[in-house]
Amino acid sequence: MKKMVFVLVFFLIFSIFTLNVDAEWNQTLKEGNWQTCELNTFVADAQRESGKASWTYQNISDFSGFEVIINIDAFEAHRDSWSFKEYIVFDFIYIISGEGHDPIGIAIELEEVKTWFGAYVTRTLYPYLGNPTDEWTPMHWTAYTRIDVSLNNPIKMWVYITSENKLRCIIHSGDLLAFDKEWDYPFGNQSIDIKFNVYYEGYGAFGLRHNIDIKTESYVPAIPPAKMQPEDWLNSWWKTVTEYLGFIVTGLQLTFGMALSFVPIFPVILLFWLIDAICTSAYYGNLHPIGVCFTKIYELVRGLISTLVNILKVQYCLLRQE
């Protein structure tokens, strides 16, 4: 009997200490085409679409921070042979909220962009910390953000409350320091909620592993040293040029796309116009309608060419202003 009691007590203690770390997380939303969408694993093959999911962890007492590790197993934008530019974006978004105060948002955005028909590829990490005015779009936040940090593997983030009552966020991208900023922490000792959102958009495939460890005791992380990202003026200059030229090429693609969509029906319109002019001339015995027809066709073609030229001029002026 004593052995049985001992086994039961041991099993109970073991169960308590081996509870699933996801047990307190409650999934509240899932949209999009996911192959796997779990708190710790995200896999999808996006076909120029978007997807989102959300979890909440409520009533966290004695909150002191959290650690995140993101492992990138796959992250690549697809590109069709005729496509000038394609991209894939994935956001990890953490929103801390409490009663009577504005929430605090922290986000890690991963992006890969392929431009110039795949000849130029950039992989970037964008960190955010601030007021999450839009819980799905960190770029709209009132936030500190540092851009153009190389995307490396793994990504590690430490978030903790300092002795000055600030929420400090440090992010490493591989062995590079990607982010180190603070934000006022207004919640004091009250219980808080954390909302965890993920969002993807674009054309590409990804496989990401995510682990979050919430701290509820006095917590000051032991953060390893990291390198500063070296200055790469040539890459920065080339990226700027590529963005400008990409803007022009995209404008041309849209313009000529609209023009080409009109091409199949344009000969039919001209044919009926010409038949109408010929029939009218034959009926009245006067060549004037045919002359008017050819004059209008000339003016139409000239107007189309003039419109295309004006669009190019506007894009050139915008480029010069930049």
Protein backbone atom coordinates (compact mmCIF):
# COMPACT_ATOMS: atom_id res chain seq x y z
CA MET A 1 0.00 0.00 0.00
CA LYS A 2 2.80 2.41 0.91
CA LYS A 3 4.50 1.59 -2.38
CA MET A 4 1.30 2.39 -4.25
CA VAL A 5 0.93 5.75 -2.46
CA PHE A 6 4.58 6.57 -3.14
CA VAL A 7 4.17 5.76 -6.84
CA LEU A 8 1.02 7.89 -7.10
CA VAL A 9 2.68 10.86 -5.34
CA PHE A 10 5.77 10.53 -7.55
CA PHE A 11 3.62 10.37 -10.67
CA LEU A 12 1.66 13.47 -9.57
CA ILE A 13 4.84 15.48 -8.92
CA PHE A 14 6.35 14.32 -12.23
CA SER A 15 3.17 15.33 -14.08
CA ILE A 16 3.22 18.81 -12.55
CA PHE A 17 6.81 19.42 -13.63
CA THR A 18 6.33 18.01 -17.13
CA LEU A 19 3.19 19.88 -18.08
CA ASN A 20 3.11 21.13 -21.67
CA VAL A 21 4.62 24.63 -21.79
CA ASP A 22 1.84 25.59 -24.23
CA ALA A 23 -0.88 24.74 -21.69
CA GLU A 24 -1.60 28.36 -20.78
CA TRP A 25 -1.74 29.54 -24.39
CA ASN A 26 -5.17 29.65 -26.01
CA GLN A 27 -5.43 29.91 -29.81
CA THR A 28 -8.12 32.40 -30.82
CA LEU A 29 -7.63 32.81 -34.57
CA LYS A 30 -6.34 30.94 -37.61
CA GLU A 31 -6.73 32.15 -41.20
CA GLY A 32 -4.91 31.27 -44.41
CA ASN A 33 -3.41 28.16 -45.97
CA TRP A 34 -1.04 26.66 -43.42
CA GLN A 35 0.65 23.28 -43.59
CA THR A 36 1.46 23.62 -39.87
CA CYS A 37 0.25 26.39 -37.59
CA GLU A 38 1.12 25.69 -33.97
CA LEU A 39 2.57 27.88 -31.24
CA ASN A 40 6.02 26.40 -31.81
CA THR A 41 5.96 25.58 -35.56
CA PHE A 42 4.90 27.50 -38.65
CA VAL A 43 5.07 26.00 -42.13
CA ALA A 44 3.37 27.16 -45.35
CA ASP A 45 3.86 27.60 -49.08
CA ALA A 46 2.29 30.99 -49.79
CA GLN A 47 0.88 31.61 -53.26
CA ARG A 48 0.69 35.42 -53.31
CA GLU A 49 -1.63 35.39 -50.32
CA SER A 50 -1.68 36.11 -46.61
CA GLY A 51 -2.42 34.22 -43.43
CA LYS A 52 -2.64 34.97 -39.73
CA ALA A 53 -3.02 33.28 -36.36
CA SER A 54 -3.30 34.44 -32.76
CA TRP A 55 -2.83 33.09 -29.22
CA THR A 56 -3.44 34.65 -25.81
CA TYR A 57 -1.88 34.03 -22.39
CA GLN A 58 -3.99 35.75 -19.72
CA ASN A 59 -3.59 36.85 -16.10
CA ILE A 60 0.18 36.48 -15.78
CA SER A 61 1.15 37.44 -12.24
CA ASP A 62 4.62 38.71 -11.31
CA PHE A 63 5.54 39.12 -14.96
CA SER A 64 9.23 39.96 -15.38
CA GLY A 65 9.88 39.28 -19.06
CA PHE A 66 10.30 36.54 -21.64
CA GLU A 67 12.82 34.94 -23.97
CA VAL A 68 12.22 33.94 -27.59
CA ILE A 69 14.27 31.74 -29.92
CA ILE A 70 13.35 31.51 -33.62
CA ASN A 71 15.03 28.87 -35.78
CA ILE A 72 14.76 29.31 -39.54
CA ASP A 73 14.58 25.95 -41.30
CA ALA A 74 13.33 27.48 -44.56
CA PHE A 75 12.51 31.00 -45.69
CA GLU A 76 12.56 31.80 -49.40
CA ALA A 77 10.57 33.93 -51.83
CA HIS A 78 9.40 32.18 -54.99
CA ARG A 79 9.67 33.84 -58.39
CA ASP A 80 8.17 33.10 -61.78
CA SER A 81 10.46 33.58 -64.77
CA TRP A 82 8.58 36.68 -65.96
CA SER A 83 8.31 38.30 -62.52
CA PHE A 84 10.48 41.36 -61.84
CA LYS A 85 9.94 41.36 -58.06
CA GLU A 86 8.59 38.92 -55.47
CA TYR A 87 8.74 38.81 -51.68
CA ILE A 88 7.78 36.82 -48.61
CA VAL A 89 7.20 38.43 -45.18
CA PHE A 90 6.60 36.80 -41.79
CA ASP A 91 5.82 38.71 -38.57
CA PHE A 92 6.13 37.53 -34.97
CA ILE A 93 4.13 40.00 -32.86
CA TYR A 94 3.91 40.14 -29.04
CA ILE A 95 1.44 42.53 -27.40
CA ILE A 96 1.58 43.11 -23.63
CA SER A 97 -1.57 44.64 -22.14
CA GLY A 98 -2.90 45.51 -18.70
CA GLU A 99 -5.79 47.37 -17.20
CA GLY A 100 -5.81 51.16 -17.49
CA HIS A 101 -2.79 51.60 -19.77
CA ASP A 102 -1.91 51.48 -23.43
CA PRO A 103 -0.44 48.15 -24.59
CA ILE A 104 3.19 47.62 -25.58
CA GLY A 105 4.03 45.89 -28.84
CA ILE A 106 7.17 44.01 -29.81
CA ALA A 107 7.62 42.55 -33.27
CA ILE A 108 10.18 40.70 -35.33
CA GLU A 109 9.61 40.86 -39.08
CA LEU A 110 11.44 38.58 -41.50
CA GLU A 111 11.56 39.49 -45.17
CA GLU A 112 13.15 38.13 -48.33
CA VAL A 113 12.86 40.12 -51.55
CA LYS A 114 13.94 39.02 -55.03
CA THR A 115 14.18 41.80 -57.61
CA TRP A 116 15.61 42.26 -61.10
CA PHE A 117 14.14 38.91 -62.17
CA GLY A 118 15.92 37.13 -59.30
CA ALA A 119 19.37 38.66 -59.84
CA TYR A 120 19.25 40.66 -56.57
CA VAL A 121 18.13 39.06 -53.29
CA THR A 122 17.89 40.69 -49.84
CA ARG A 123 17.10 38.95 -46.53
CA THR A 124 16.28 41.42 -43.77
CA LEU A 125 15.13 41.47 -40.15
CA TYR A 126 13.01 44.41 -39.00
CA PRO A 127 12.56 44.78 -35.20
CA TYR A 128 9.86 46.95 -33.64
CA LEU A 129 9.05 48.17 -30.13
CA GLY A 130 6.28 50.64 -29.42
CA ASN A 131 2.57 51.37 -29.31
CA PRO A 132 0.77 48.69 -31.37
CA THR A 133 -1.79 50.89 -33.10
CA ASP A 134 -2.34 48.08 -35.62
CA GLU A 135 -1.77 44.63 -34.12
CA TRP A 136 -1.08 43.05 -37.53
CA THR A 137 1.10 45.73 -39.17
CA PRO A 138 4.12 46.78 -37.04
CA MET A 139 5.29 49.31 -39.63
CA HIS A 140 2.29 51.47 -38.64
CA TRP A 141 3.28 51.57 -34.96
CA THR A 142 4.64 54.56 -33.13
CA ALA A 143 7.87 52.73 -32.53
CA TYR A 144 11.58 52.47 -32.35
CA THR A 145 12.77 50.48 -35.30
CA ARG A 146 16.15 49.72 -36.79
CA ILE A 147 16.10 48.44 -40.34
CA ASP A 148 18.47 46.69 -42.73
CA VAL A 149 19.76 44.11 -40.25
CA SER A 150 20.92 40.96 -42.02
CA LEU A 151 18.66 37.99 -41.41
CA ASN A 152 20.70 35.23 -39.79
CA ASN A 153 19.93 32.05 -37.91
CA PRO A 154 18.91 31.71 -35.10
CA ILE A 155 17.10 34.83 -33.92
CA LYS A 156 17.13 35.36 -30.15
CA MET A 157 15.19 37.96 -28.18
CA TRP A 158 15.34 38.92 -24.50
CA VAL A 159 12.60 41.11 -23.01
CA TYR A 160 12.78 42.16 -19.36
CA ILE A 161 11.81 44.93 -16.93
CA THR A 162 14.73 47.07 -15.77
CA SER A 163 15.21 48.62 -12.33
CA GLU A 164 14.12 51.96 -13.89
CA ASN A 165 10.73 50.41 -14.74
CA LYS A 166 11.51 50.21 -18.45
CA LEU A 167 10.78 47.31 -20.75
CA ARG A 168 14.06 46.51 -22.48
CA CYS A 169 14.17 44.51 -25.69
CA ILE A 170 17.39 43.01 -27.09
CA ILE A 171 17.44 41.02 -30.33
CA HIS A 172 20.31 39.08 -31.90
CA SER A 173 20.27 38.00 -35.53
CA GLY A 174 22.78 35.18 -35.45
CA ASP A 175 25.86 36.77 -33.88
CA LEU A 176 24.80 40.32 -34.84
CA LEU A 177 23.16 42.82 -32.49
CA ALA A 178 19.93 43.69 -34.28
CA PHE A 179 18.12 45.74 -31.63
CA ASP A 180 18.53 47.17 -28.12
CA LYS A 181 15.82 49.63 -27.06
CA GLU A 182 13.62 50.48 -24.07
CA TRP A 183 9.99 51.50 -23.61
CA ASP A 184 8.15 52.77 -20.51
CA TYR A 185 6.55 49.88 -18.61
CA PRO A 186 3.33 51.24 -17.02
CA PHE A 187 1.79 48.08 -15.54
CA GLY A 188 3.78 47.89 -12.30
CA ASN A 189 2.97 44.73 -10.32
CA GLN A 190 -0.46 44.14 -11.84
CA SER A 191 -1.27 41.00 -13.80
CA ILE A 192 -0.86 41.30 -17.55
CA ASP A 193 -1.98 39.50 -20.70
CA ILE A 194 0.20 38.63 -23.68
CA LYS A 195 -1.23 38.30 -27.17
CA PHE A 196 0.96 36.50 -29.69
CA ASN A 197 0.19 37.07 -33.37
CA VAL A 198 1.81 35.69 -36.48
CA TYR A 199 1.21 36.99 -39.99
CA TYR A 200 2.59 36.07 -43.40
CA GLU A 201 2.20 37.65 -46.81
CA GLY A 202 3.64 37.18 -50.28
CA TYR A 203 4.85 34.42 -52.57
CA GLY A 204 7.22 31.92 -51.01
CA ALA A 205 7.78 29.08 -48.57
CA PHE A 206 8.82 29.06 -44.93
CA GLY A 207 9.45 26.67 -42.08
CA LEU A 208 10.00 28.38 -38.73
CA ARG A 209 10.39 27.00 -35.21
CA HIS A 210 9.46 29.30 -32.34
CA ASN A 211 9.97 28.95 -28.60
CA ILE A 212 8.81 31.45 -25.97
CA ASP A 213 9.64 31.21 -22.26
CA ILE A 214 7.72 33.60 -19.99
CA LYS A 215 9.46 34.67 -16.78
CA THR A 216 7.56 35.27 -13.55
CA GLU A 217 10.42 35.75 -11.10
CA SER A 218 13.15 38.33 -10.74
CA TYR A 219 14.83 38.12 -14.12
CA VAL A 220 17.91 39.71 -15.66
CA PRO A 221 19.03 37.70 -18.69
CA ALA A 222 22.59 36.59 -19.30
CA ILE A 223 23.06 37.95 -22.80
CA PRO A 224 26.11 36.83 -24.81
CA PRO A 225 28.20 39.46 -26.60
CA ALA A 226 27.24 40.28 -30.18
CA LYS A 227 28.83 42.05 -33.11
CA MET A 228 27.62 45.29 -34.66
CA GLN A 229 26.57 44.92 -38.26
CA PRO A 230 29.42 46.25 -40.44
CA GLU A 231 28.80 49.26 -42.65
CA ASP A 232 28.20 48.18 -46.24
CA TRP A 233 27.89 51.41 -48.24
CA LEU A 234 28.05 49.61 -51.59
CA ASN A 235 25.15 47.31 -50.72
CA SER A 236 23.19 50.24 -49.27
CA TRP A 237 23.77 52.31 -52.42
CA TRP A 238 22.81 49.43 -54.67
CA LYS A 239 19.66 48.75 -52.64
CA THR A 240 18.59 52.40 -52.96
CA VAL A 241 19.17 52.36 -56.72
CA THR A 242 17.30 49.07 -57.00
CA GLU A 243 14.31 50.45 -55.10
CA TYR A 244 14.09 53.48 -57.39
CA LEU A 245 14.49 51.46 -60.56
CA GLY A 246 12.09 48.87 -59.22
CA PHE A 247 9.51 51.61 -58.72
CA ILE A 248 9.92 52.67 -62.36
CA VAL A 249 9.79 49.12 -63.70
CA THR A 250 6.70 48.35 -61.63
CA GLY A 251 5.04 51.49 -63.02
CA LEU A 252 5.95 50.45 -66.54
CA GLN A 253 4.62 46.95 -65.95
CA LEU A 254 1.29 48.35 -64.78
CA THR A 255 1.13 50.85 -67.65
CA PHE A 256 2.00 48.41 -70.39
CA GLY A 257 -0.15 45.76 -68.76
CA MET A 258 -3.16 48.03 -69.08
CA ALA A 259 -2.19 48.89 -72.65
CA LEU A 260 -1.70 45.23 -73.59
CA SER A 261 -5.08 44.30 -72.13
CA PHE A 262 -6.60 46.73 -74.66
CA VAL A 263 -4.61 45.34 -77.62
CA PRO A 264 -6.84 42.29 -78.43
CA ILE A 265 -9.97 44.40 -78.89
CA PHE A 266 -8.26 47.41 -80.50
CA PRO A 267 -8.17 45.93 -84.09
CA VAL A 268 -11.86 44.98 -83.83
CA ILE A 269 -12.78 48.54 -82.85
CA LEU A 270 -10.72 49.94 -85.73
CA LEU A 271 -12.28 47.48 -88.18
CA PHE A 272 -15.86 48.42 -87.27
CA TRP A 273 -14.90 52.09 -87.30
CA LEU A 274 -13.43 51.74 -90.79
CA ILE A 275 -16.42 49.73 -92.09
CA ASP A 276 -18.75 52.38 -90.72
CA ALA A 277 -16.74 55.15 -92.46
CA ILE A 278 -16.68 53.24 -95.78
CA CYS A 279 -20.43 52.50 -95.66
CA THR A 280 -21.21 56.10 -94.77
CA SER A 281 -19.02 57.38 -97.65
CA ALA A 282 -20.70 54.98 -100.10
CA TYR A 283 -24.16 55.95 -98.91
CA TYR A 284 -23.58 59.69 -99.23
CA GLY A 285 -21.14 59.47 -102.14
CA ASN A 286 -18.59 61.47 -100.18
CA LEU A 287 -15.05 60.51 -99.10
CA HIS A 288 -15.07 62.91 -96.16
CA PRO A 289 -16.14 60.29 -93.51
CA ILE A 290 -13.16 58.08 -94.50
CA GLY A 291 -10.79 61.03 -94.12
CA VAL A 292 -12.27 61.83 -90.70
CA CYS A 293 -11.88 58.15 -89.69
CA PHE A 294 -8.15 58.05 -90.50
CA THR A 295 -7.62 61.42 -88.79
CA LYS A 296 -9.28 60.13 -85.59
CA ILE A 297 -7.22 56.92 -85.69
CA TYR A 298 -4.03 58.98 -85.98
CA GLU A 299 -5.08 61.22 -83.07
CA LEU A 300 -5.92 58.15 -80.94
CA VAL A 301 -2.53 56.50 -81.52
CA ARG A 302 -0.73 59.78 -80.89
CA GLY A 303 -2.71 60.26 -77.66
CA LEU A 304 -1.75 56.79 -76.41
CA ILE A 305 1.93 57.41 -77.12
CA SER A 306 1.72 60.84 -75.46
CA THR A 307 0.14 59.29 -72.35
CA LEU A 308 2.93 56.71 -72.03
CA VAL A 309 5.58 59.42 -72.42
CA ASN A 310 3.89 61.58 -69.76
CA ILE A 311 3.84 58.65 -67.32
CA LEU A 312 7.57 58.15 -67.86
CA LYS A 313 8.17 61.86 -67.30
CA VAL A 314 6.27 61.81 -64.00
CA GLN A 315 8.28 58.82 -62.77
CA TYR A 316 11.52 60.54 -63.79
CA CYS A 317 10.54 63.71 -61.90
CA LEU A 318 9.67 61.69 -58.77
CA LEU A 319 13.04 59.95 -58.98
CA ARG A 320 14.88 63.28 -59.25
CA GLN A 321 12.97 64.67 -56.24
CA GLU A 322 14.08 61.68 -54.16
